[in-house]
C-alpha atoms as a PDB file:
ATOM      1  CA  CYS A   1     132.151  96.722 154.703  1.00  0.00           C
ATOM      2  CA  ARG A   2     130.395  99.957 155.605  1.00  0.00           C
ATOM      3  CA  ALA A   3     129.882 100.831 151.922  1.00  0.00           C
ATOM      4  CA  LEU A   4     128.374  97.406 151.332  1.00  0.00           C
ATOM      5  CA  SER A   5     125.940  97.894 154.230  1.00  0.00           C
ATOM      6  CA  LYS A   6     124.964 101.296 152.917  1.00  0.00           C
ATOM      7  CA  SER A   7     124.377  99.861 149.431  1.00  0.00           C
ATOM      8  CA  MET A   8     122.189  97.103 150.872  1.00  0.00           C
ATOM      9  CA  VAL A   9     120.079  99.638 152.774  1.00  0.00           C
ATOM     10  CA  TYR A  10     119.584 101.689 149.589  1.00  0.00           C
ATOM     11  CA  LEU A  11     118.706  98.573 147.622  1.00  0.00           C
ATOM     12  CA  LEU A  12     116.134  97.467 150.195  1.00  0.00           C
ATOM     13  CA  LEU A  13     114.685 100.969 150.463  1.00  0.00           C
ATOM     14  CA  ASP A  14     114.383 101.177 146.675  1.00  0.00           C
ATOM     15  CA  ALA A  15     112.601  97.811 146.510  1.00  0.00           C
ATOM     16  CA  PHE A  16     110.243  98.859 149.313  1.00  0.00           C
ATOM     17  CA  LEU A  17     109.365 102.173 147.669  1.00  0.00           C
ATOM     18  CA  LYS A  18     108.742 100.515 144.298  1.00  0.00           C
ATOM     19  CA  ARG A  19     106.406  97.991 145.914  1.00  0.00           C
ATOM     20  CA  GLN A  20     104.530 100.760 147.751  1.00  0.00           C
ATOM     21  CA  TYR A  21     104.143 102.711 144.494  1.00  0.00           C
ATOM     22  CA  ASP A  22     102.932  99.635 142.603  1.00  0.00           C
ATOM     23  CA  GLN A  23     100.324  98.910 145.268  1.00  0.00           C
ATOM     24  CA  SER A  24      98.996 102.464 145.283  1.00  0.00           C
ATOM     25  CA  ASN A  25      99.018 102.751 141.463  1.00  0.00           C
ATOM     26  CA  PRO A  26      98.148  99.329 140.063  1.00  0.00           C
ATOM     27  CA  GLN A  27      97.135 100.639 136.636  1.00  0.00           C
ATOM     28  CA  PRO A  28      99.524 102.360 134.266  1.00  0.00           C
ATOM     29  CA  LEU A  29      98.648 105.904 133.233  1.00  0.00           C
ATOM     30  CA  TRP A  30      97.919 104.930 129.616  1.00  0.00           C
ATOM     31  CA  LEU A  31      95.351 102.406 130.887  1.00  0.00           C
ATOM     32  CA  GLN A  32      93.701 104.949 133.168  1.00  0.00           C
ATOM     33  CA  ASN A  33      93.384 107.347 130.221  1.00  0.00           C
ATOM     34  CA  PHE A  34      92.053 104.573 127.986  1.00  0.00           C
ATOM     35  CA  ILE A  35      89.407 103.595 130.542  1.00  0.00           C
ATOM     36  CA  GLN A  36      88.317 107.230 130.876  1.00  0.00           C
ATOM     37  CA  ARG A  37      87.804 107.364 127.106  1.00  0.00           C
ATOM     38  CA  LEU A  38      85.843 104.098 127.200  1.00  0.00           C
ATOM     39  CA  GLN A  39      83.501 105.459 129.854  1.00  0.00           C
ATOM     40  CA  GLN A  40      82.354 108.381 127.714  1.00  0.00           C
ATOM     41  CA  PRO A  41      78.805 107.640 126.496  1.00  0.00           C
ATOM     42  CA  ASP A  42      79.646 108.647 122.913  1.00  0.00           C
ATOM     43  CA  ASN A  43      82.253 105.891 122.756  1.00  0.00           C
ATOM     44  CA  LEU A  44      79.983 103.103 123.988  1.00  0.00           C
ATOM     45  CA  CYS A  45      78.523 102.499 120.532  1.00  0.00           C
ATOM     46  CA  LYS A  46      81.894 102.197 118.809  1.00  0.00           C
ATOM     47  CA  PRO A  47      83.252  98.759 117.896  1.00  0.00           C
ATOM     48  CA  ILE A  48      86.267  97.403 119.778  1.00  0.00           C
ATOM     49  CA  ASN A  49      88.566  98.012 116.788  1.00  0.00           C
ATOM     50  CA  GLU A  50      87.616 101.685 116.840  1.00  0.00           C
ATOM     51  CA  LEU A  51      88.153 101.916 120.599  1.00  0.00           C
ATOM     52  CA  CYS A  52      91.651 100.459 120.232  1.00  0.00           C
ATOM     53  CA  LYS A  53      92.634 103.590 118.321  1.00  0.00           C
ATOM     54  CA  PHE A  54      92.505 105.476 121.637  1.00  0.00           C
ATOM     55  CA  SER A  55      95.711 103.687 122.609  1.00  0.00           C
ATOM     56  CA  ASN A  56      99.070 103.296 120.930  1.00  0.00           C
ATOM     57  CA  TYR A  57      98.721  99.516 120.820  1.00  0.00           C
ATOM     58  CA  SER A  58      97.409  97.076 118.263  1.00  0.00           C
ATOM     59  CA  HIS A  59      94.061  95.409 118.893  1.00  0.00           C
ATOM     60  CA  GLY A  60      95.590  92.079 119.911  1.00  0.00           C
ATOM     61  CA  TYR A  61      98.268  93.546 122.168  1.00  0.00           C
ATOM     62  CA  LEU A  62      95.836  95.969 123.790  1.00  0.00           C
ATOM     63  CA  CYS A  63      93.436  93.128 124.597  1.00  0.00           C
ATOM     64  CA  LEU A  64      96.315  91.167 126.125  1.00  0.00           C
ATOM     65  CA  LEU A  65      97.486  94.103 128.276  1.00  0.00           C
ATOM     66  CA  PHE A  66      93.927  94.984 129.269  1.00  0.00           C
ATOM     67  CA  LYS A  67      93.253  91.434 130.457  1.00  0.00           C
ATOM     68  CA  LYS A  68      96.561  91.408 132.354  1.00  0.00           C
ATOM     69  CA  HIS A  69      95.849  94.633 134.247  1.00  0.00           C
ATOM     70  CA  MET A  70      92.066  94.450 134.641  1.00  0.00           C
ATOM     71  CA  ASN A  71      91.521  90.670 134.992  1.00  0.00           C
ATOM     72  CA  VAL A  72      88.669  90.896 132.484  1.00  0.00           C
ATOM     73  CA  THR A  73      88.614  90.978 128.703  1.00  0.00           C
ATOM     74  CA  LEU A  74      88.162  94.305 126.959  1.00  0.00           C
ATOM     75  CA  GLU A  75      84.949  93.081 125.344  1.00  0.00           C
ATOM     76  CA  LYS A  76      83.370  92.073 128.669  1.00  0.00           C
ATOM     77  CA  TYR A  77      84.477  95.353 130.253  1.00  0.00           C
ATOM     78  CA  VAL A  78      82.803  97.346 127.476  1.00  0.00           C
ATOM     79  CA  ILE A  79      79.597  95.302 127.822  1.00  0.00           C
ATOM     80  CA  ARG A  80      79.568  96.032 131.555  1.00  0.00           C
ATOM     81  CA  LEU A  81      80.007  99.743 130.847  1.00  0.00           C
ATOM     82  CA  LYS A  82      77.042  99.631 128.477  1.00  0.00           C
ATOM     83  CA  ILE A  83      74.892  97.927 131.093  1.00  0.00           C
ATOM     84  CA  GLN A  84      75.944 100.405 133.782  1.00  0.00           C
ATOM     85  CA  TYR A  85      75.099 103.294 131.477  1.00  0.00           C
ATOM     86  CA  ALA A  86      71.684 101.813 130.634  1.00  0.00           C
ATOM     87  CA  ALA A  87      71.013 101.247 134.349  1.00  0.00           C
ATOM     88  CA  LYS A  88      71.965 104.853 135.064  1.00  0.00           C
ATOM     89  CA  LEU A  89      69.483 106.032 132.464  1.00  0.00           C
ATOM     90  CA  LEU A  90      66.793 103.921 134.097  1.00  0.00           C
ATOM     91  CA  GLN A  91      67.659 105.188 137.588  1.00  0.00           C
ATOM     92  CA  ASP A  92      67.451 108.816 136.521  1.00  0.00           C
ATOM     93  CA  HIS A  93      63.677 108.362 136.155  1.00  0.00           C
ATOM     94  CA  ALA A  94      63.827 110.139 132.846  1.00  0.00           C
ATOM     95  CA  ASN A  95      61.195 109.156 130.336  1.00  0.00           C
ATOM     96  CA  VAL A  96      63.119 106.097 129.227  1.00  0.00           C
ATOM     97  CA  SER A  97      62.177 104.335 126.035  1.00  0.00           C
ATOM     98  CA  CYS A  98      63.765 101.629 123.920  1.00  0.00           C
ATOM     99  CA  ALA A  99      65.561 104.394 122.045  1.00  0.00           C
ATOM    100  CA  ASP A 100      67.173 105.493 125.293  1.00  0.00           C
ATOM    101  CA  CYS A 101      68.342 101.952 125.981  1.00  0.00           C
ATOM    102  CA  ARG A 102      69.875 101.870 122.518  1.00  0.00           C
ATOM    103  CA  ALA A 103      71.545 105.183 123.321  1.00  0.00           C
ATOM    104  CA  GLY A 104      73.109 103.235 126.176  1.00  0.00           C
ATOM    105  CA  ARG A 105      74.338 100.936 123.452  1.00  0.00           C
ATOM    106  CA  ILE A 106      72.461  97.828 124.607  1.00  0.00           C
ATOM    107  CA  SER A 107      71.351  96.795 121.162  1.00  0.00           C
ATOM    108  CA  GLU A 108      70.720  93.115 121.748  1.00  0.00           C
ATOM    109  CA  SER A 109      68.841  91.639 124.675  1.00  0.00           C
ATOM    110  CA  VAL A 110      71.133  88.603 124.522  1.00  0.00           C
ATOM    111  CA  GLN A 111      74.131  90.810 125.375  1.00  0.00           C
ATOM    112  CA  PHE A 112      72.211  92.364 128.223  1.00  0.00           C
ATOM    113  CA  TYR A 113      71.229  89.057 129.804  1.00  0.00           C
ATOM    114  CA  GLN A 114      74.667  87.490 129.338  1.00  0.00           C
ATOM    115  CA  ALA A 115      76.400  90.416 130.981  1.00  0.00           C
ATOM    116  CA  VAL A 116      74.012  90.542 133.941  1.00  0.00           C
END
């Protein structure tokens, strides 16, 4: 009976620690690394298929996992990154031209307005 009680305590402690870890680290490491690569300005102009090569997953499976963990599609996330980068360029008060906005990878005004 004592061994059973001890096993139950270990089981409950294990479940508690796993839950605490999951709450403090909601994103897997591969996803954190992938997002860091996405956020690099040089990668903002690449198509989604090219960006998928930064992971070990196929395009379809990566999009599925991304949506599961981030609650947004990969395409919408990338559009938001492009808008944030363009906004950063504008906030820096640099001599911003249309070429700079394109450097932020906002190539179509339709994308810009839809994402805002």
